[in-house]
Protein backbone atom coordinates (compact mmCIF):
# COMPACT_ATOMS: atom_id res chain seq x y z
CA MET A 1 -19.75 35.70 16.85
CA THR A 2 -22.24 35.76 14.10
CA GLU A 3 -23.59 32.55 12.59
CA ILE A 4 -21.31 31.15 9.81
CA SER A 5 -22.62 31.11 6.28
CA THR A 6 -22.17 28.71 3.35
CA GLN A 7 -19.68 31.14 1.85
CA SER A 8 -17.82 31.39 5.15
CA VAL A 9 -17.61 27.51 5.05
CA LYS A 10 -15.96 27.58 1.67
CA GLU A 11 -13.53 30.19 2.77
CA VAL A 12 -12.64 28.13 5.86
CA TYR A 13 -12.00 25.20 3.54
CA HIS A 14 -9.65 27.20 1.34
CA ARG A 15 -7.76 28.59 4.26
CA ASN A 16 -7.22 25.04 5.60
CA SER A 17 -6.16 23.74 2.25
CA GLN A 18 -3.66 26.52 1.76
CA ASP A 19 -2.24 25.96 5.23
CA LEU A 20 -2.02 22.25 4.86
CA SER A 21 -0.31 22.46 1.36
CA LYS A 22 2.71 24.15 2.99
CA VAL A 23 3.46 20.85 4.80
CA ILE A 24 1.50 18.18 2.82
CA VAL A 25 2.19 17.48 -0.82
CA GLY A 26 -0.73 16.03 -2.78
CA HIS A 27 -3.49 14.12 -1.04
CA ASP A 28 -5.91 16.86 -1.91
CA GLN A 29 -8.97 14.66 -2.09
CA ILE A 30 -7.91 12.92 1.28
CA VAL A 31 -7.73 16.30 2.98
CA ARG A 32 -10.93 17.23 1.62
CA LEU A 33 -12.69 14.14 2.80
CA LEU A 34 -10.97 14.30 6.19
CA LEU A 35 -12.51 17.80 6.63
CA VAL A 36 -15.87 16.47 5.46
CA SER A 37 -15.73 13.77 8.13
CA LEU A 38 -14.85 16.31 10.80
CA PHE A 39 -17.68 18.60 9.93
CA SER A 40 -20.00 15.69 9.67
CA ARG A 41 -18.98 14.47 13.11
CA GLY A 42 -17.70 11.16 11.55
CA HIS A 43 -14.64 9.15 11.92
CA CYS A 44 -11.98 7.94 9.32
CA LEU A 45 -9.98 4.94 8.44
CA LEU A 46 -6.74 5.73 6.47
CA VAL A 47 -5.23 2.86 4.58
CA GLY A 48 -1.93 3.08 3.03
CA VAL A 49 1.63 1.68 2.89
CA PRO A 50 4.28 3.02 5.29
CA GLY A 51 5.85 6.41 4.27
CA LEU A 52 2.76 8.20 2.74
CA ALA A 53 2.57 10.83 5.47
CA LYS A 54 -0.62 9.45 7.08
CA THR A 55 0.61 10.56 10.71
CA LEU A 56 1.98 13.87 9.50
CA LEU A 57 -1.17 14.56 7.59
CA VAL A 58 -3.32 14.11 10.80
CA LYS A 59 -0.97 15.93 12.96
CA THR A 60 -0.85 18.81 10.65
CA LEU A 61 -4.57 18.90 10.32
CA ALA A 62 -4.93 19.13 14.06
CA GLU A 63 -2.35 22.05 14.10
CA VAL A 64 -4.11 23.96 11.44
CA LEU A 65 -7.54 23.59 13.13
CA HIS A 66 -6.18 24.36 16.55
CA LEU A 67 -7.49 21.03 17.85
CA SER A 68 -5.91 19.10 20.79
CA PHE A 69 -4.12 15.96 19.28
CA LYS A 70 -3.11 12.64 20.74
CA ARG A 71 -1.49 9.79 19.10
CA ILE A 72 -1.68 6.08 20.11
CA GLN A 73 0.60 3.48 18.62
CA PHE A 74 -1.48 0.28 18.79
CA THR A 75 0.55 -2.78 19.77
CA PRO A 76 -0.43 -6.37 20.69
CA ASP A 77 0.22 -5.68 24.43
CA LEU A 78 -1.93 -2.41 24.64
CA MET A 79 -4.74 -2.68 27.07
CA PRO A 80 -8.15 -0.77 27.10
CA ALA A 81 -7.18 1.27 30.07
CA ASP A 82 -4.17 2.60 27.95
CA ILE A 83 -6.77 4.21 25.73
CA ILE A 84 -9.77 5.28 28.02
CA GLY A 85 -7.79 5.72 31.14
CA SER A 86 -8.28 4.06 34.55
CA GLU A 87 -8.81 4.60 38.32
CA LEU A 88 -5.77 4.63 40.41
CA LEU A 89 -5.54 4.41 44.11
CA GLN A 90 -4.13 7.77 45.54
CA GLU A 91 -3.61 9.05 49.07
CA HIS A 92 -5.48 12.19 50.03
CA GLU A 93 -5.33 13.55 53.56
CA ARG A 94 -4.33 10.23 54.98
CA ARG A 95 -7.17 8.55 53.05
CA LEU A 96 -6.94 6.16 50.09
CA GLU A 97 -9.37 7.17 47.31
CA PHE A 98 -9.68 6.08 43.67
CA GLU A 99 -8.80 8.91 41.25
CA TYR A 100 -9.56 8.77 37.56
CA GLN A 101 -6.53 9.32 35.22
CA PRO A 102 -7.87 10.11 31.76
CA GLY A 103 -6.49 8.41 28.87
CA PRO A 104 -5.32 9.84 25.44
CA VAL A 105 -8.98 9.42 24.03
CA PHE A 106 -9.61 12.76 25.61
CA ALA A 107 -8.55 14.83 22.67
CA ASN A 108 -10.33 16.58 19.78
CA LEU A 109 -8.25 14.55 17.21
CA LEU A 110 -7.21 11.05 18.12
CA LEU A 111 -4.82 9.10 15.90
CA ALA A 112 -5.17 5.45 16.32
CA ASP A 113 -2.04 4.33 14.51
CA GLU A 114 -1.99 0.76 13.05
CA ILE A 115 -5.21 0.02 14.96
CA ASN A 116 -5.27 -3.57 13.51
CA ARG A 117 -2.13 -4.47 15.46
CA THR A 118 -3.89 -4.74 18.75
CA PRO A 119 -6.44 -7.49 19.88
CA PRO A 120 -10.17 -6.99 19.59
CA LYS A 121 -10.55 -6.34 23.30
CA THR A 122 -8.48 -3.27 23.06
CA GLN A 123 -10.00 -2.24 19.62
CA SER A 124 -13.43 -2.43 21.22
CA ALA A 125 -12.32 0.23 23.82
CA LEU A 126 -12.84 2.73 21.05
CA LEU A 127 -16.38 1.68 20.14
CA GLU A 128 -18.21 3.62 22.94
CA ALA A 129 -16.04 6.64 22.35
CA MET A 130 -16.67 6.71 18.63
CA GLN A 131 -20.38 6.06 18.93
CA GLU A 132 -21.45 7.71 22.12
CA ARG A 133 -18.62 10.25 22.34
CA LYS A 134 -18.15 9.31 26.02
CA VAL A 135 -16.25 6.56 27.91
CA THR A 136 -17.37 4.70 31.03
CA VAL A 137 -14.82 3.82 33.80
CA GLY A 138 -15.64 2.68 37.20
CA GLY A 139 -19.45 2.86 36.49
CA LYS A 140 -19.20 6.56 35.69
CA SER A 141 -19.50 8.01 32.12
CA ARG A 142 -17.33 10.87 31.15
CA PRO A 143 -18.01 12.91 27.93
CA LEU A 144 -15.23 13.54 25.46
CA PRO A 145 -14.29 16.88 24.06
CA ASP A 146 -16.29 18.38 21.30
CA PRO A 147 -15.38 18.13 18.40
CA PHE A 148 -14.16 14.66 18.59
CA LEU A 149 -12.61 12.86 15.61
CA VAL A 150 -11.01 9.39 15.59
CA VAL A 151 -8.65 8.79 12.52
CA ALA A 152 -7.19 5.21 12.50
CA THR A 153 -4.57 3.95 10.24
CA GLN A 154 -3.95 0.46 8.75
CA ASN A 155 -1.07 -0.94 6.79
CA PRO A 156 -2.49 -3.06 3.84
CA ILE A 157 0.58 -5.02 3.20
CA GLU A 158 1.89 -6.64 6.33
CA GLN A 159 -0.90 -8.89 7.74
CA GLU A 160 1.19 -11.16 10.03
CA GLY A 161 0.40 -10.56 13.73
CA THR A 162 -2.58 -8.30 12.98
CA TYR A 163 -6.20 -8.56 14.04
CA PRO A 164 -8.72 -7.55 11.33
CA LEU A 165 -11.29 -5.05 12.71
CA PRO A 166 -14.83 -6.50 13.28
CA GLU A 167 -17.46 -5.49 10.98
CA ALA A 168 -19.32 -3.67 13.83
CA GLN A 169 -16.33 -1.44 14.50
CA LEU A 170 -15.59 -0.95 10.67
CA ASP A 171 -19.25 0.27 10.38
CA ARG A 172 -18.45 3.03 12.88
CA PHE A 173 -16.05 4.64 10.57
CA MET A 174 -17.73 7.19 8.22
CA PHE A 175 -14.98 6.93 5.53
CA SER A 176 -12.24 4.52 4.54
CA LEU A 177 -9.63 6.51 2.65
CA TYR A 178 -6.96 4.79 0.54
CA LEU A 179 -3.73 6.78 0.06
CA GLU A 180 -1.85 6.14 -3.21
CA TYR A 181 1.79 6.64 -4.07
CA PRO A 182 2.72 10.19 -5.00
CA ARG A 183 3.34 11.11 -8.56
CA LYS A 184 6.91 11.79 -9.66
CA GLU A 185 6.72 15.54 -9.44
CA GLU A 186 4.98 15.28 -6.07
CA GLU A 187 7.74 12.90 -4.70
CA MET A 188 10.37 15.34 -5.99
CA GLU A 189 8.76 18.18 -3.99
CA ILE A 190 8.57 15.96 -0.91
CA VAL A 191 12.29 15.09 -1.10
CA LYS A 192 13.13 18.79 -1.52
CA ARG A 193 10.88 19.97 1.50
CA THR A 194 12.21 17.34 3.83
CA THR A 195 15.93 17.31 2.98
CA LEU A 196 16.66 20.88 2.14
CA MET A 197 14.61 22.86 4.68
CA GLU A 198 12.73 22.62 7.87
CA LEU A 199 8.86 22.21 7.80
CA PRO A 200 7.18 25.60 8.39
CA THR A 201 5.39 26.26 11.70
CA LEU A 202 1.75 26.72 11.05
CA THR A 203 -0.63 29.21 12.77
CA PRO A 204 -4.24 27.97 13.33
CA SER A 205 -6.62 29.84 10.91
CA VAL A 206 -9.86 28.39 12.23
CA THR A 207 -11.24 28.71 15.66
CA MET A 208 -13.10 25.91 17.62
CA GLU A 209 -16.29 27.81 17.62
CA GLU A 210 -16.20 27.95 13.76
CA ILE A 211 -15.79 24.10 13.51
CA LEU A 212 -18.64 23.59 15.80
CA GLN A 213 -20.77 26.08 13.83
CA VAL A 214 -19.97 24.28 10.64
CA GLN A 215 -21.10 21.03 12.21
CA ARG A 216 -24.39 22.49 13.25
CA LEU A 217 -24.78 23.97 9.67
CA VAL A 218 -24.17 20.53 8.19
CA LEU A 219 -27.10 19.16 10.25
CA ALA A 220 -29.32 21.97 9.38
CA ALA A 221 -28.67 21.95 5.56
CA PRO A 222 -31.64 20.89 3.53
CA VAL A 223 -31.72 17.85 1.33
CA SER A 224 -34.20 17.14 -1.47
CA ASP A 225 -36.03 13.91 -1.48
CA HIS A 226 -34.70 12.76 -4.76
CA VAL A 227 -31.13 13.02 -3.42
CA ILE A 228 -31.95 10.89 -0.36
CA ASP A 229 -33.85 8.44 -2.71
CA TYR A 230 -30.64 8.09 -4.83
CA ALA A 231 -28.42 7.59 -1.67
CA VAL A 232 -30.80 4.94 -0.31
CA GLU A 233 -31.08 3.21 -3.79
CA LEU A 234 -27.29 3.16 -4.05
CA VAL A 235 -26.88 1.45 -0.68
CA THR A 236 -29.64 -1.09 -1.26
CA ALA A 237 -28.04 -2.04 -4.70
CA THR A 238 -25.22 -3.39 -2.71
CA ARG A 239 -27.38 -6.01 -0.97
CA PRO A 240 -27.51 -9.23 -2.96
CA ASN A 241 -30.62 -10.70 -1.22
CA ARG A 242 -33.01 -7.95 -2.03
CA VAL A 243 -35.69 -8.37 -4.79
CA GLY A 244 -34.48 -7.03 -8.16
CA SER A 245 -30.88 -6.75 -6.91
CA LEU A 246 -28.02 -6.20 -9.48
CA GLN A 247 -26.44 -9.13 -10.95
CA VAL A 248 -22.89 -7.92 -10.01
CA ALA A 249 -24.17 -7.84 -6.40
CA ARG A 250 -25.61 -11.44 -6.47
CA ASP A 251 -22.49 -12.65 -8.08
CA TYR A 252 -19.75 -11.10 -5.85
CA ILE A 253 -21.23 -9.63 -2.65
CA GLU A 254 -21.79 -11.64 0.55
CA TRP A 255 -23.09 -8.83 2.59
CA GLY A 256 -24.12 -5.29 1.47
CA ALA A 257 -23.99 -2.02 3.43
CA GLY A 258 -26.43 -1.13 6.18
CA PRO A 259 -28.58 1.90 6.89
CA ARG A 260 -25.66 3.75 8.52
CA ALA A 261 -24.24 4.00 5.08
CA SER A 262 -27.17 5.83 3.77
CA GLN A 263 -26.98 8.31 6.64
CA TYR A 264 -23.13 8.97 6.01
CA LEU A 265 -23.82 9.30 2.31
CA ILE A 266 -26.23 12.23 2.99
CA LEU A 267 -24.20 13.70 5.75
CA GLY A 268 -20.92 13.58 3.68
CA ALA A 269 -22.80 15.03 0.72
CA LYS A 270 -24.20 17.83 2.75
CA ALA A 271 -20.63 18.68 4.19
CA LEU A 272 -19.09 18.45 0.79
CA ALA A 273 -21.63 20.82 -0.62
CA LEU A 274 -20.98 23.40 1.96
CA LEU A 275 -17.14 23.16 1.25
CA LYS A 276 -18.11 24.10 -2.45
CA GLY A 277 -20.16 26.98 -1.27
CA LYS A 278 -23.56 25.39 -1.98
CA LEU A 279 -26.35 25.21 0.61
CA ALA A 280 -27.82 21.85 -0.46
CA PRO A 281 -26.08 18.74 -1.94
CA GLU A 282 -26.87 17.20 -5.26
CA ILE A 283 -26.32 13.69 -6.79
CA GLU A 284 -22.80 14.51 -7.71
CA GLU A 285 -21.88 15.14 -4.00
CA VAL A 286 -23.44 11.70 -3.07
CA ARG A 287 -21.41 10.04 -5.89
CA GLU A 288 -18.25 11.83 -4.73
CA VAL A 289 -18.36 10.40 -1.22
CA ALA A 290 -19.75 7.04 -2.20
CA PHE A 291 -16.56 5.00 -2.46
CA ALA A 292 -15.26 6.34 0.88
CA VAL A 293 -18.57 5.42 2.51
CA LEU A 294 -19.11 2.11 0.92
CA GLN A 295 -15.80 0.39 0.21
CA HIS A 296 -15.29 -0.96 3.89
CA ARG A 297 -18.93 -1.86 4.24
CA VAL A 298 -19.32 -4.19 1.24
CA ILE A 299 -18.21 -7.74 2.09
CA THR A 300 -17.13 -9.63 -1.00
CA ASN A 301 -17.63 -13.55 -1.33
CA TYR A 302 -15.31 -16.30 -2.60
CA ARG A 303 -16.26 -15.69 -6.24
CA ALA A 304 -14.99 -12.05 -6.03
CA THR A 305 -11.64 -13.41 -4.49
CA GLY A 306 -11.45 -16.06 -7.16
CA ALA A 307 -12.07 -13.47 -9.99
CA GLY A 308 -9.60 -10.95 -8.33
CA LYS A 309 -12.30 -8.33 -7.71
CA LYS A 310 -12.28 -6.03 -4.71
CA SER A 311 -15.17 -4.09 -3.36
CA ARG A 312 -14.05 -1.01 -5.16
CA ASP A 313 -14.26 -2.78 -8.50
CA ILE A 314 -17.75 -3.95 -7.70
CA LEU A 315 -18.75 -0.57 -6.45
CA GLU A 316 -17.65 1.07 -9.71
CA THR A 317 -20.14 -1.19 -11.65
CA ILE A 318 -22.92 -0.48 -9.08
CA ILE A 319 -22.50 3.27 -9.09
CA LYS A 320 -22.74 3.25 -12.82
CA ALA A 321 -25.84 1.15 -12.85
CA VAL A 322 -27.79 3.08 -10.34
CA LYS A 323 -29.32 6.04 -12.14
CA GLU A 324 -30.94 9.24 -11.03
CA LYS A 325 -34.71 8.97 -11.10
CA GLU A 326 -36.57 11.66 -13.13
CA TYR A 327 -39.04 13.77 -11.19
């Protein structure tokens, strides 16, 4: 197969969007950023109240992209071995031997449903998989399929009996995406589709090789220094202890975003530019992915809680304050 071009990436995105729209109503920006994270080899955290089709969205995405799909329902009694697999004692030719039984993490697209309902020991079982794209069981490392994407979901309402994700694990997620309630016309369409007809069967329109080629193209896409400078300046503006930091950061932020945020801003901007048919990203692509990259990495302080300000409110002020430098 010939190497994929920027125009081909744009066509791939449109084909996927059209296929997904047959099942999913609305959530256009969420779908776009999910594809951006896949093409950037990142992972996503989906936050939304029950009933907003988070599971259906991820499952349909796997179906459209012809990716192997596994779903794990996180519960308080879930153990690390339930995710990454374990070695079981089996009899072979009258001999007892340990045989590795792979866990559900061995999939192209893994849905970690309500990840904050399981204790940190089990949550951390995903850390090596997300960062290194391999798991280690019985002293042996085993690579995960390529491509590999973890999409975790959280319910922002019910916090009783939950275990907040540690900051180190939150930082492994490229994006945190917040699903909003549908508009009235969208909800009417949802009701019609789910009560008057069966959901359509989708035919994969993208090959695995095309996805891998897009991932390679994202890495190879050029980025100008002024775009990188803006991304780094935007991230450092969230750090209250730096010289010349913004007043809003000093007032309301306890800890700002780390260097991984700068990396994901550029990777996300590059992938988003390719979806638009552009070879190189500009400042507008960095701004478009900024909330998804930064809002789970900015830790607010007690003043923000008292003032009723969330990280997204503070980021709006920071993004407006950080200007593009003239060259």
